[in-house]
Amino acid sequence: MKRKITLVGGGSYSWAPGLFATFFNNDFFHTETELCLFDINKQALEHVYAYCSWYNSRHPEKAVTLSTTMNEDAALEGSDYVVIAISHGGLAAEMEDHHIARRHGFYNVKGSESGIAGASRTIRHVPEFLRYARKMKRLCPQAMLLNVTNPLTALTRCVQKYENIQAMGFCHGILNHLDILLPYFGADSMADVSFSVTGVDHCSFLTDICFKGQDALRIMRDKGMIEAAWEGKSSITFDDPFAGRENQRIRFILWDILGHMPGLSDEHCAEFYYQTTGNEENRAFFGMAYDRLADRPASVERLRNMIVEPLEKKEMPSEIHGDEIIHRAVEALEGGRQMYDVVNYRNLGQVRELPADVVVETFATLDGTGVHPAIANPMPKAVEAIVRPTVLREELFMEAAVEWNADKLVAALAIDPLVQDFRRVRAVVQDMMDYNAQWLSGQG
């Protein structure tokens, strides 16, 4: 059966080749599946198309149908699934999120959804996602939106709340950031490991981890890993291909304080605690050396070179790989193998401690009848005290973007743990709204 999957951000050096690879390497898909790459960056789109086409041409038995367009309507028309992987405003806008924060004395590590940089990114992206949602209702009304763009929670949520578009979000963080812990409780793969997760993207918690029936968290605790983290001796690191170096020290200290382990590594989970990164003294104590303004441009250039240099040298890698699970979700929803994995989906009661319909991060089963979230373990009170306010702030950021409401954004940031100063909130909100007004989208 012919199916069309549109990738908005099809010229993304970081996302598009890997997403193509997962469909290319999945036997469920073939030339009857069209992967349509759409982007507004002509050169990047041409690079990605050439890179992916090289593998298609050499392996016709695995090939999917690849197409490209810079016409947005043509890309969306007739799509069954719309994957969005964009950075609205490009790298310059992302950097300005952090410049605005720092001009006013505030600091974000990653700036995906919290603090000044997170709020700025949210109000820029929400109107753009709603514009796409309105076009989807006109051009592909039955399509599901599959989101990998941050802020993942707000962007997956807004199209559902305001335009009634079915949406699901995907973040590789939970599995990737659990995988690096395996050697520290004796596992060499996920084969004998099970775990439970609850929360929202980037602010999720592992309520248990079991390895061959044993409590993996207890195994790590008994090895003195928490004590080592307090003493600054923790040296577990992970080089995330999208996010850069990720450390584990703050994660272990929060586990000690809260009694429950954050699902993600330091540079993500620390964004929700002023005590870890809110000022220079705290960053120094916890070894938070990541600097988005310096590291993000370098990461973007590295990812570009991984695609462009092989093309220019005509020395392509023999194989192409991708780690994302969107292909498995599409396969399951299309009647293929059932999928059980961590996804970000509307709260239908799977996280009882959080409001209905907000987007939560839990396990779900996907099959030909739809998405069936699994009930998460009860959320501990200490965890709820962090996650629930995060959910409500993200809702306020989203609403402020839709209404272009400075007062609502001021109120949300005034209670954000990374802001910590009522006196400067209105000025920073004015600064970020003045800057992001240029990115407001039309009606679509």
Protein backbone atom coordinates (compact mmCIF):
# COMPACT_ATOMS: atom_id res chain seq x y z
CA MET A 1 0.00 0.00 0.00
CA LYS A 2 1.42 3.39 -0.97
CA ARG A 3 2.14 5.62 2.02
CA LYS A 4 3.70 9.07 2.23
CA ILE A 5 5.86 10.24 5.12
CA THR A 6 6.86 13.89 5.00
CA LEU A 7 9.91 15.15 6.85
CA VAL A 8 9.66 18.86 7.57
CA GLY A 9 13.29 19.77 8.09
CA GLY A 10 14.37 17.32 5.43
CA GLY A 11 17.63 19.24 5.02
CA SER A 12 18.56 18.72 8.66
CA TYR A 13 22.09 17.32 8.75
CA SER A 14 21.51 16.00 12.26
CA TRP A 15 18.10 14.35 11.85
CA ALA A 16 17.27 13.59 8.21
CA PRO A 17 19.96 11.02 7.27
CA GLY A 18 19.39 9.01 10.43
CA LEU A 19 15.62 9.02 9.98
CA PHE A 20 16.03 7.90 6.37
CA ALA A 21 18.36 5.12 7.51
CA THR A 22 15.80 3.66 9.89
CA PHE A 23 13.17 3.35 7.15
CA PHE A 24 15.78 2.13 4.66
CA ASN A 25 16.97 -0.62 7.02
CA ASN A 26 13.47 -1.73 8.05
CA ASP A 27 12.20 -4.54 5.82
CA PHE A 28 8.60 -3.38 6.35
CA PHE A 29 9.26 -0.40 4.08
CA HIS A 30 10.14 -0.41 0.37
CA THR A 31 9.59 1.64 -2.76
CA GLU A 32 5.86 1.84 -2.02
CA THR A 33 6.83 4.15 0.88
CA GLU A 34 7.57 7.72 -0.17
CA LEU A 35 9.82 9.71 2.14
CA CYS A 36 9.35 13.33 1.10
CA LEU A 37 12.10 15.70 2.26
CA PHE A 38 10.97 19.32 2.63
CA ASP A 39 13.19 22.22 3.65
CA ILE A 40 13.62 25.92 2.99
CA ASN A 41 17.43 25.54 2.82
CA LYS A 42 18.12 24.51 -0.78
CA GLN A 43 21.75 23.55 -0.33
CA ALA A 44 21.16 21.48 2.80
CA LEU A 45 18.22 19.73 1.14
CA GLU A 46 20.36 18.86 -1.87
CA HIS A 47 23.14 17.52 0.35
CA VAL A 48 20.83 15.29 2.38
CA TYR A 49 19.00 14.05 -0.71
CA ALA A 50 22.29 13.16 -2.43
CA TYR A 51 23.57 11.42 0.69
CA CYS A 52 20.44 9.28 1.15
CA SER A 53 20.04 8.62 -2.58
CA TRP A 54 23.52 7.09 -2.72
CA TYR A 55 22.35 4.23 -0.49
CA ASN A 56 19.02 3.89 -2.27
CA SER A 57 20.75 3.51 -5.64
CA ARG A 58 23.14 0.83 -4.42
CA HIS A 59 20.56 -1.24 -2.57
CA PRO A 60 17.41 -1.35 -4.68
CA GLU A 61 16.11 -4.25 -2.59
CA LYS A 62 15.96 -1.91 0.44
CA ALA A 63 15.19 1.38 -1.29
CA VAL A 64 12.31 3.62 -0.32
CA THR A 65 11.03 6.27 -2.72
CA LEU A 66 12.83 9.55 -1.96
CA SER A 67 11.47 12.89 -3.09
CA THR A 68 12.37 16.50 -2.29
CA THR A 69 10.53 19.78 -2.50
CA MET A 70 10.78 23.35 -1.29
CA ASN A 71 7.04 23.75 -1.76
CA GLU A 72 5.39 23.35 1.61
CA ASP A 73 1.92 22.54 0.30
CA ALA A 74 3.27 19.90 -2.07
CA ALA A 75 5.21 18.33 0.78
CA LEU A 76 2.19 18.04 3.05
CA GLU A 77 -0.48 17.15 0.53
CA GLY A 78 -1.61 13.55 0.86
CA SER A 79 0.80 12.71 3.68
CA ASP A 80 0.01 9.89 6.08
CA TYR A 81 2.60 11.01 8.64
CA VAL A 82 4.32 14.36 9.09
CA VAL A 83 7.63 14.31 10.96
CA ILE A 84 8.83 17.74 12.12
CA ALA A 85 12.52 18.26 12.87
CA ILE A 86 13.18 22.00 12.66
CA SER A 87 14.93 24.85 14.38
CA HIS A 88 12.73 27.83 13.55
CA GLY A 89 14.93 30.85 12.88
CA GLY A 90 17.99 28.64 12.53
CA LEU A 91 21.13 28.62 14.64
CA ALA A 92 21.20 32.41 14.97
CA ALA A 93 17.82 32.44 16.71
CA GLU A 94 18.83 29.59 19.00
CA MET A 95 21.95 31.50 19.99
CA GLU A 96 19.94 34.68 20.58
CA ASP A 97 17.77 32.78 23.11
CA HIS A 98 20.90 32.40 25.22
CA HIS A 99 22.23 35.90 24.53
CA ILE A 100 18.94 37.36 25.79
CA ALA A 101 19.15 35.29 28.95
CA ARG A 102 22.73 36.28 29.66
CA ARG A 103 22.21 39.98 28.95
CA HIS A 104 19.75 39.97 31.83
CA GLY A 105 21.92 37.90 34.15
CA PHE A 106 20.26 34.51 33.65
CA TYR A 107 21.76 31.24 32.45
CA ASN A 108 20.54 28.16 30.62
CA VAL A 109 22.60 25.08 29.81
CA LYS A 110 20.60 23.70 26.85
CA GLY A 111 17.58 26.02 26.79
CA SER A 112 15.12 23.54 25.33
CA GLU A 113 12.10 24.32 27.51
CA SER A 114 13.01 25.92 30.83
CA GLY A 115 14.31 29.32 31.91
CA ILE A 116 14.70 32.33 29.66
CA ALA A 117 16.19 30.48 26.68
CA GLY A 118 13.54 27.77 26.89
CA ALA A 119 10.71 30.28 27.05
CA SER A 120 12.14 32.19 24.08
CA ARG A 121 12.43 29.01 22.03
CA THR A 122 8.88 28.02 22.96
CA ILE A 123 7.21 31.27 21.93
CA ARG A 124 9.06 31.16 18.60
CA HIS A 125 8.17 27.56 17.74
CA VAL A 126 4.58 27.20 18.97
CA PRO A 127 3.05 29.55 16.33
CA GLU A 128 5.03 27.78 13.61
CA PHE A 129 3.77 24.36 14.71
CA LEU A 130 0.20 25.63 14.76
CA ARG A 131 0.67 26.96 11.24
CA TYR A 132 1.74 23.49 10.13
CA ALA A 133 -1.20 21.96 11.99
CA ARG A 134 -3.66 24.20 10.15
CA LYS A 135 -2.10 23.22 6.82
CA MET A 136 -2.29 19.55 7.77
CA LYS A 137 -6.02 19.89 8.42
CA ARG A 138 -6.41 21.19 4.89
CA LEU A 139 -3.90 19.07 2.97
CA CYS A 140 -3.61 15.79 4.92
CA PRO A 141 -6.42 15.77 7.50
CA GLN A 142 -5.89 12.13 8.53
CA ALA A 143 -2.15 12.44 9.07
CA MET A 144 -0.45 12.05 12.46
CA LEU A 145 2.23 14.56 13.46
CA LEU A 146 5.40 12.87 14.74
CA ASN A 147 7.55 15.40 16.54
CA VAL A 148 11.25 15.42 17.40
CA THR A 149 11.59 19.22 17.79
CA ASN A 150 12.20 20.85 21.17
CA PRO A 151 10.50 21.95 23.30
CA LEU A 152 9.05 18.51 22.64
CA THR A 153 6.28 18.62 25.25
CA ALA A 154 4.85 22.03 24.34
CA LEU A 155 5.08 21.49 20.58
CA THR A 156 3.51 18.04 20.64
CA ARG A 157 0.83 19.39 22.97
CA CYS A 158 -0.07 22.63 21.17
CA VAL A 159 -1.21 21.04 17.90
CA GLN A 160 -3.44 18.69 19.85
CA LYS A 161 -4.86 21.39 22.14
CA TYR A 162 -5.53 24.12 19.59
CA GLU A 163 -6.01 22.26 16.29
CA ASN A 164 -7.05 18.75 17.35
CA ILE A 165 -4.18 17.16 15.41
CA GLN A 166 -3.18 13.72 16.58
CA ALA A 167 0.46 13.96 17.66
CA MET A 168 3.20 11.98 19.31
CA GLY A 169 6.70 13.02 20.39
CA PHE A 170 9.93 11.02 20.28
CA CYS A 171 13.06 11.61 22.34
CA HIS A 172 15.99 9.20 22.30
CA GLY A 173 17.19 10.43 25.69
CA ILE A 174 15.66 7.93 28.12
CA LEU A 175 17.08 4.81 26.45
CA ASN A 176 20.40 6.40 25.46
CA HIS A 177 21.00 7.80 28.92
CA LEU A 178 20.07 4.51 30.57
CA ASP A 179 22.33 2.58 28.22
CA ILE A 180 25.44 4.34 29.52
CA LEU A 181 24.67 3.14 33.05
CA LEU A 182 24.56 -0.56 32.10
CA PRO A 183 28.22 -1.37 32.93
CA TYR A 184 27.83 0.15 36.37
CA PHE A 185 25.26 -2.42 37.45
CA GLY A 186 26.76 -5.33 35.52
CA ALA A 187 24.74 -5.41 32.29
CA ASP A 188 26.27 -5.44 28.82
CA SER A 189 23.01 -4.85 26.94
CA MET A 190 19.35 -4.03 27.53
CA ALA A 191 18.39 -7.69 27.05
CA ASP A 192 18.02 -8.44 30.78
CA VAL A 193 17.04 -4.91 31.85
CA SER A 194 13.55 -3.55 32.50
CA PHE A 195 12.62 -0.12 33.79
CA SER A 196 9.75 2.26 34.45
CA VAL A 197 9.62 5.95 33.58
CA THR A 198 7.22 8.78 34.36
CA GLY A 199 7.23 12.54 33.80
CA VAL A 200 7.59 14.82 30.80
CA ASP A 201 10.33 15.11 28.21
CA HIS A 202 13.71 16.05 29.75
CA CYS A 203 12.06 16.03 33.20
CA SER A 204 11.32 12.33 33.55
CA PHE A 205 12.31 9.96 36.34
CA LEU A 206 13.20 6.29 36.41
CA THR A 207 11.01 4.88 39.16
CA ASP A 208 12.77 1.51 38.94
CA ILE A 209 15.48 -0.31 37.00
CA CYS A 210 15.75 -4.10 37.23
CA PHE A 211 18.61 -6.24 35.99
CA LYS A 212 17.96 -10.00 36.06
CA GLY A 213 15.42 -9.44 38.80
CA GLN A 214 17.76 -7.31 40.92
CA ASP A 215 17.37 -3.63 41.80
CA ALA A 216 19.94 -1.98 39.53
CA LEU A 217 19.71 1.29 41.43
CA ARG A 218 20.62 -0.51 44.65
CA ILE A 219 23.59 -2.16 42.91
CA MET A 220 24.94 1.24 41.86
CA ARG A 221 24.25 2.77 45.25
CA ASP A 222 26.12 -0.07 47.00
CA LYS A 223 29.12 0.59 44.76
CA GLY A 224 29.45 4.06 46.30
CA MET A 225 28.58 5.94 43.14
CA ILE A 226 26.51 8.56 44.96
CA GLU A 227 29.34 9.29 47.39
CA ALA A 228 31.74 9.60 44.47
CA ALA A 229 29.41 12.08 42.78
CA TRP A 230 29.30 14.29 45.89
CA GLU A 231 33.09 14.21 46.01
CA GLY A 232 33.36 15.24 42.36
CA LYS A 233 34.82 11.87 41.34
CA SER A 234 32.12 10.69 38.99
CA SER A 235 33.59 10.40 35.51
CA ILE A 236 30.82 8.69 33.54
CA THR A 237 30.29 10.59 30.32
CA PHE A 238 28.32 10.12 27.13
CA ASP A 239 28.87 11.87 23.81
CA ASP A 240 25.35 12.43 22.52
CA PRO A 241 25.53 12.96 18.74
CA PHE A 242 22.83 15.66 18.98
CA ALA A 243 23.50 17.27 22.34
CA GLY A 244 27.23 16.90 22.92
CA ARG A 245 28.98 15.69 26.07
CA GLU A 246 26.65 14.48 28.82
CA ASN A 247 27.87 13.89 32.37
CA GLN A 248 26.35 11.92 35.26
CA ARG A 249 27.40 13.64 38.49
CA ILE A 250 24.37 15.94 39.04
CA ARG A 251 22.06 13.11 38.05
CA PHE A 252 23.46 10.92 40.84
CA ILE A 253 23.30 13.74 43.40
CA LEU A 254 19.66 14.45 42.54
CA TRP A 255 19.00 10.73 42.89
CA ASP A 256 20.46 10.91 46.40
CA ILE A 257 18.45 14.01 47.39
CA LEU A 258 15.12 13.09 45.81
CA GLY A 259 15.31 9.34 46.22
CA HIS A 260 14.62 8.84 42.51
CA MET A 261 16.92 9.00 39.50
CA PRO A 262 16.36 11.58 36.73
CA GLY A 263 15.93 9.90 33.36
CA LEU A 264 18.47 12.13 31.63
CA SER A 265 22.06 13.14 32.19
CA ASP A 266 23.38 16.30 33.84
CA GLU A 267 23.19 18.80 30.98
CA HIS A 268 19.48 18.12 30.54
CA CYS A 269 18.17 17.37 34.03
CA ALA A 270 20.10 20.26 35.60
CA GLU A 271 17.96 22.73 33.65
CA PHE A 272 15.18 22.36 36.20
CA TYR A 273 17.24 23.25 39.30
CA TYR A 274 18.72 26.68 40.02
CA GLN A 275 20.88 25.00 42.68
CA THR A 276 22.92 23.22 40.00
CA THR A 277 23.41 25.80 37.26
CA GLY A 278 21.76 29.08 38.26
CA ASN A 279 24.97 30.92 39.04
CA GLU A 280 28.66 30.61 38.30
CA GLU A 281 29.53 29.24 41.74
CA ASN A 282 27.02 26.39 41.40
CA ARG A 283 28.17 25.55 37.89
CA ALA A 284 31.76 25.41 39.05
CA PHE A 285 30.95 23.15 42.00
CA PHE A 286 29.00 20.68 39.85
CA GLY A 287 31.46 20.77 36.95
CA MET A 288 28.93 22.14 34.48
CA ALA A 289 31.33 23.15 31.72
CA TYR A 290 28.94 22.87 28.77
CA ASP A 291 28.39 26.27 27.14
CA ARG A 292 25.62 26.32 24.52
CA LEU A 293 26.98 29.44 22.83
CA ALA A 294 30.31 27.78 22.18
CA ASP A 295 29.37 24.14 21.87
CA ARG A 296 26.21 24.26 19.75
CA PRO A 297 27.77 25.95 16.69
CA ALA A 298 30.63 23.46 16.83
CA SER A 299 28.15 20.58 17.00
CA VAL A 300 26.16 21.92 14.04
CA GLU A 301 29.33 22.23 11.97
CA ARG A 302 30.48 18.73 12.92
CA LEU A 303 27.14 17.19 11.90
CA ARG A 304 27.18 19.09 8.60
CA ASN A 305 30.69 17.88 7.84
CA MET A 306 29.66 14.28 8.49
CA ILE A 307 27.32 14.57 5.49
CA VAL A 308 29.10 17.02 3.19
CA GLU A 309 32.67 15.74 3.39
CA PRO A 310 31.88 12.16 2.27
CA LEU A 311 29.86 13.56 -0.63
CA GLU A 312 32.67 15.89 -1.73
CA LYS A 313 35.37 13.24 -1.34
CA LYS A 314 33.16 10.54 -2.84
CA GLU A 315 34.09 8.35 0.12
CA MET A 316 30.72 7.35 1.50
CA PRO A 317 30.45 5.05 4.52
CA SER A 318 29.57 1.53 3.45
CA GLU A 319 26.42 1.50 5.60
CA ILE A 320 23.98 4.07 6.96
CA HIS A 321 22.48 3.78 10.43
CA GLY A 322 19.97 5.60 12.61
CA ASP A 323 18.88 5.21 16.23
CA GLU A 324 15.43 6.78 16.18
CA ILE A 325 12.25 4.71 16.61
CA ILE A 326 9.83 6.65 14.42
CA HIS A 327 10.04 3.96 11.74
CA ARG A 328 8.93 1.38 14.29
CA ALA A 329 6.00 3.56 15.32
CA VAL A 330 4.87 3.94 11.72
CA GLU A 331 5.29 0.21 11.09
CA ALA A 332 3.19 -0.65 14.15
CA LEU A 333 0.45 1.85 13.32
CA GLU A 334 0.39 0.50 9.75
CA GLY A 335 -0.29 -3.03 10.99
CA GLY A 336 3.26 -4.36 11.18
CA ARG A 337 5.10 -5.52 14.28
CA GLN A 338 3.65 -4.27 17.54
CA MET A 339 5.85 -1.72 19.32
CA TYR A 340 6.28 -1.20 23.07
CA ASP A 341 8.56 1.71 23.90
CA VAL A 342 8.89 5.12 25.55
CA VAL A 343 6.95 7.84 23.75
CA ASN A 344 5.54 11.28 24.50
CA TYR A 345 1.76 11.19 24.20
CA ARG A 346 -1.32 12.88 25.58
CA ASN A 347 -2.12 11.97 29.17
CA LEU A 348 -5.14 9.68 29.06
CA GLY A 349 -4.59 8.67 32.67
CA GLN A 350 -1.23 6.95 32.36
CA VAL A 351 0.28 9.55 34.73
CA ARG A 352 -2.45 10.08 37.28
CA GLU A 353 -0.64 12.85 39.12
CA LEU A 354 -0.54 15.18 36.08
CA PRO A 355 -3.38 17.03 34.31
CA ALA A 356 -5.34 15.24 31.63
CA ASP A 357 -4.26 15.74 28.00
CA VAL A 358 -0.84 17.26 28.74
CA VAL A 359 1.90 15.35 26.93
CA VAL A 360 3.69 12.88 29.20
CA GLU A 361 6.64 10.53 28.75
CA THR A 362 5.81 6.89 29.48
CA PHE A 363 5.73 3.50 27.83
CA ALA A 364 3.02 2.81 25.28
CA THR A 365 2.00 -0.02 22.99
CA LEU A 366 1.48 0.88 19.32
CA ASP A 367 -0.32 -1.38 16.88
CA GLY A 368 -2.71 -1.23 13.98
CA THR A 369 -5.49 0.00 16.25
CA GLY A 370 -3.57 3.02 17.57
CA VAL A 371 -1.58 4.21 20.57
CA HIS A 372 -2.24 2.55 23.92
CA PRO A 373 -0.32 4.16 26.81
CA ALA A 374 0.72 1.96 29.72
CA ILE A 375 -0.12 3.08 33.24
CA ALA A 376 3.05 4.46 34.82
CA ASN A 377 4.15 3.69 38.34
CA PRO A 378 2.78 6.15 40.91
CA MET A 379 4.76 9.37 40.81
CA PRO A 380 6.58 9.92 44.11
CA LYS A 381 5.72 13.17 45.90
CA ALA A 382 9.23 14.58 45.60
CA VAL A 383 9.14 13.94 41.86
CA GLU A 384 5.65 15.36 41.47
CA ALA A 385 6.80 18.56 43.23
CA ILE A 386 9.26 19.08 40.34
CA VAL A 387 7.38 17.68 37.35
CA ARG A 388 3.94 19.19 37.95
CA PRO A 389 5.17 22.82 38.17
CA THR A 390 7.28 22.16 35.06
CA VAL A 391 4.17 20.98 33.21
CA LEU A 392 2.18 24.04 34.26
CA ARG A 393 4.98 26.46 33.26
CA GLU A 394 5.29 24.83 29.86
CA GLU A 395 1.52 25.19 29.44
CA LEU A 396 1.82 28.89 30.32
CA PHE A 397 4.71 29.40 27.89
CA MET A 398 2.60 27.76 25.18
CA GLU A 399 -0.48 29.84 25.98
CA ALA A 400 1.60 33.03 26.06
CA ALA A 401 2.89 32.17 22.58
CA VAL A 402 -0.60 31.55 21.19
CA GLU A 403 -2.05 34.72 22.72
CA TRP A 404 1.22 36.69 22.38
CA ASN A 405 0.59 37.62 25.98
CA ALA A 406 3.48 39.29 27.83
CA ASP A 407 1.73 39.19 31.20
CA LYS A 408 1.22 35.44 31.00
CA LEU A 409 4.87 34.96 30.06
CA VAL A 410 5.98 37.19 32.94
CA ALA A 411 3.89 35.15 35.37
CA ALA A 412 5.31 31.87 34.07
CA LEU A 413 8.93 33.02 34.24
CA ALA A 414 8.51 34.60 37.66
CA ILE A 415 7.95 31.08 39.04
CA ASP A 416 10.62 29.41 36.92
CA PRO A 417 13.43 28.08 39.15
CA LEU A 418 16.11 29.35 36.75
CA VAL A 419 14.93 32.96 36.89
CA GLN A 420 14.99 33.77 40.62
CA ASP A 421 14.56 37.54 40.31
CA PHE A 422 11.19 39.29 40.01
CA ARG A 423 12.85 42.65 39.30
CA ARG A 424 14.21 41.67 35.88
CA VAL A 425 11.41 39.49 34.55
CA ARG A 426 9.42 42.14 32.68
CA ALA A 427 12.49 43.52 30.97
CA VAL A 428 13.69 40.12 29.76
CA VAL A 429 10.19 39.21 28.55
CA GLN A 430 10.01 42.42 26.55
CA ASP A 431 13.42 41.67 25.06
CA MET A 432 12.51 38.13 24.01
CA MET A 433 9.10 39.12 22.60
CA ASP A 434 10.61 41.99 20.62
CA TYR A 435 13.15 39.61 19.11
CA ASN A 436 10.79 36.71 18.39
CA ALA A 437 8.05 38.85 16.85
CA GLN A 438 9.89 38.56 13.52
CA TRP A 439 9.29 34.80 13.53
CA LEU A 440 5.52 34.94 14.03
CA SER A 441 3.86 32.77 11.42
CA GLY A 442 0.94 33.51 9.16
CA GLN A 443 -2.30 31.59 9.21
CA GLY A 444 -1.16 28.81 6.87
